Amino acid sequence: MISLKRGTLGILGALLLAMTTGCVGDPRTSNQGGGTLLTAASKLMGGSLKSMTADEWQILADNLPTLAADFGINLGNLQIPSLTDEQAAAIVDFLNVHDLNTIEQVTQAIQSGAIDEDDIPPELLELL
């Protein structure tokens, strides 16, 4: 988790910088509801996962390695793939079907067994 003690202005600055690096206007990330890195991050941090568009999920995944590096978060050997339109749409559907709006709710549902592998769409399983 990113601590707000690290500086809200720093977060906003990094988001604005990432927004200007080509994610706005990309046909791949403007065909399923649109959005920007700023709107995606705002919804993610504000506990509004269900309101994120498929395009915002793609933008977030595309920019996650840069954002992690900017904030000193070590992803180790984790490779963040680009999400296809189908994978991003599956995330949106999954969150809506299971009424999950925060990262904490997703974590709790998985840890409690309310969601298991059978509940995860095939498009998302291939990412794992």
Protein backbone atom coordinates (compact mmCIF):
# COMPACT_ATOMS: atom_id res chain seq x y z
CA MET A 1 0.00 0.00 0.00
CA ILE A 2 1.16 3.50 -0.74
CA SER A 3 1.22 5.64 2.36
CA LEU A 4 -0.20 9.13 2.04
CA LYS A 5 2.61 10.21 4.36
CA ARG A 6 4.92 9.89 1.35
CA GLY A 7 3.25 12.91 -0.12
CA THR A 8 -0.02 13.28 -1.92
CA LEU A 9 1.58 15.81 -4.24
CA GLY A 10 4.20 13.25 -5.22
CA ILE A 11 1.49 10.75 -6.11
CA LEU A 12 -0.40 13.28 -8.17
CA GLY A 13 2.79 14.38 -9.88
CA ALA A 14 3.70 10.81 -10.81
CA LEU A 15 0.19 10.16 -12.09
CA LEU A 16 0.20 13.30 -14.20
CA LEU A 17 3.62 12.40 -15.58
CA ALA A 18 2.48 8.88 -16.44
CA MET A 19 -0.64 10.26 -18.11
CA THR A 20 1.48 12.26 -20.51
CA THR A 21 3.50 9.25 -21.64
CA GLY A 22 1.03 8.01 -24.20
CA CYS A 23 -1.84 6.26 -22.44
CA VAL A 24 -4.36 8.96 -23.41
CA GLY A 25 -5.79 8.46 -26.91
CA ASP A 26 -4.47 4.91 -27.37
CA PRO A 27 -7.12 2.95 -29.30
CA ARG A 28 -6.47 -0.10 -27.08
CA THR A 29 -7.32 1.85 -23.94
CA SER A 30 -10.12 4.02 -25.22
CA ASN A 31 -12.60 1.48 -26.54
CA GLN A 32 -14.25 0.19 -23.34
CA GLY A 33 -15.48 3.14 -21.35
CA GLY A 34 -12.33 5.25 -21.54
CA GLY A 35 -10.46 6.80 -18.66
CA THR A 36 -7.01 7.95 -17.72
CA LEU A 37 -4.37 6.91 -15.26
CA LEU A 38 -5.60 9.67 -12.96
CA THR A 39 -9.22 8.43 -13.00
CA ALA A 40 -8.09 4.81 -12.56
CA ALA A 41 -5.83 5.62 -9.60
CA SER A 42 -8.48 7.82 -8.02
CA LYS A 43 -11.05 5.03 -8.16
CA LEU A 44 -8.54 2.43 -6.96
CA MET A 45 -7.42 4.52 -4.00
CA GLY A 46 -10.98 5.70 -3.28
CA GLY A 47 -12.45 2.22 -2.91
CA SER A 48 -14.47 2.37 -6.13
CA LEU A 49 -13.19 -0.67 -8.00
CA LYS A 50 -16.62 -1.46 -9.45
CA SER A 51 -16.75 1.94 -11.12
CA MET A 52 -13.49 1.36 -13.00
CA THR A 53 -13.82 0.80 -16.73
CA ALA A 54 -12.03 -1.95 -18.61
CA ASP A 55 -9.87 0.74 -20.22
CA GLU A 56 -8.85 2.03 -16.79
CA TRP A 57 -7.75 -1.48 -15.77
CA GLN A 58 -5.61 -1.69 -18.90
CA ILE A 59 -4.09 1.73 -18.26
CA LEU A 60 -3.36 0.84 -14.64
CA ALA A 61 -1.69 -2.45 -15.60
CA ASP A 62 0.35 -0.73 -18.31
CA ASN A 63 1.67 1.85 -15.85
CA LEU A 64 2.03 -0.26 -12.70
CA PRO A 65 5.77 -1.04 -13.07
CA THR A 66 6.60 2.65 -13.55
CA LEU A 67 4.42 3.73 -10.63
CA ALA A 68 5.89 1.05 -8.37
CA ALA A 69 9.41 2.15 -9.24
CA ASP A 70 8.50 5.82 -8.68
CA PHE A 71 7.31 5.01 -5.17
CA GLY A 72 10.10 2.59 -4.27
CA ILE A 73 7.86 -0.48 -4.36
CA ASN A 74 9.86 -3.55 -5.31
CA LEU A 75 7.83 -5.85 -7.54
CA GLY A 76 10.67 -8.35 -7.57
CA ASN A 77 10.45 -10.61 -10.62
CA LEU A 78 6.73 -10.00 -11.02
CA GLN A 79 5.94 -9.41 -14.67
CA ILE A 80 2.84 -7.28 -15.22
CA PRO A 81 1.33 -8.25 -18.58
CA SER A 82 -0.65 -5.91 -20.78
CA LEU A 83 -4.31 -6.74 -20.37
CA THR A 84 -6.30 -7.64 -23.44
CA ASP A 85 -9.73 -6.12 -23.91
CA GLU A 86 -11.24 -9.46 -22.88
CA GLN A 87 -9.16 -9.71 -19.71
CA ALA A 88 -9.94 -6.15 -18.68
CA ALA A 89 -13.66 -6.70 -19.32
CA ALA A 90 -13.48 -9.91 -17.25
CA ILE A 91 -12.08 -7.93 -14.30
CA VAL A 92 -14.98 -5.48 -14.51
CA ASP A 93 -17.53 -8.31 -14.72
CA PHE A 94 -15.89 -10.27 -11.89
CA LEU A 95 -15.94 -7.30 -9.51
CA ASN A 96 -19.56 -6.52 -10.32
CA VAL A 97 -20.80 -10.13 -10.06
CA HIS A 98 -19.13 -10.54 -6.65
CA ASP A 99 -19.99 -7.00 -5.48
CA LEU A 100 -16.34 -6.18 -4.69
CA ASN A 101 -15.52 -2.49 -4.43
CA THR A 102 -12.25 -2.38 -2.46
CA ILE A 103 -8.98 -4.29 -2.45
CA GLU A 104 -9.77 -5.28 1.12
CA GLN A 105 -13.07 -6.85 0.02
CA VAL A 106 -11.28 -8.82 -2.72
CA THR A 107 -8.66 -10.04 -0.24
CA GLN A 108 -11.27 -10.97 2.36
CA ALA A 109 -13.41 -12.85 -0.18
CA ILE A 110 -10.42 -14.91 -1.32
CA GLN A 111 -9.11 -15.58 2.19
CA SER A 112 -12.54 -16.57 3.51
CA GLY A 113 -13.13 -18.95 0.61
CA ALA A 114 -16.14 -16.99 -0.64
CA ILE A 115 -14.29 -16.84 -3.96
CA ASP A 116 -12.26 -19.76 -5.22
CA GLU A 117 -10.64 -20.75 -8.48
CA ASP A 118 -13.98 -21.87 -9.97
CA ASP A 119 -15.30 -18.31 -9.57
CA ILE A 120 -12.46 -16.75 -11.55
CA PRO A 121 -13.14 -16.28 -15.26
CA PRO A 122 -10.82 -18.17 -17.65
CA GLU A 123 -9.55 -14.86 -19.07
CA LEU A 124 -8.17 -14.01 -15.63
CA LEU A 125 -6.89 -17.48 -14.79
CA GLU A 126 -4.56 -17.30 -17.78
CA LEU A 127 -2.96 -14.23 -16.17
CA LEU A 128 -2.25 -16.13 -12.98
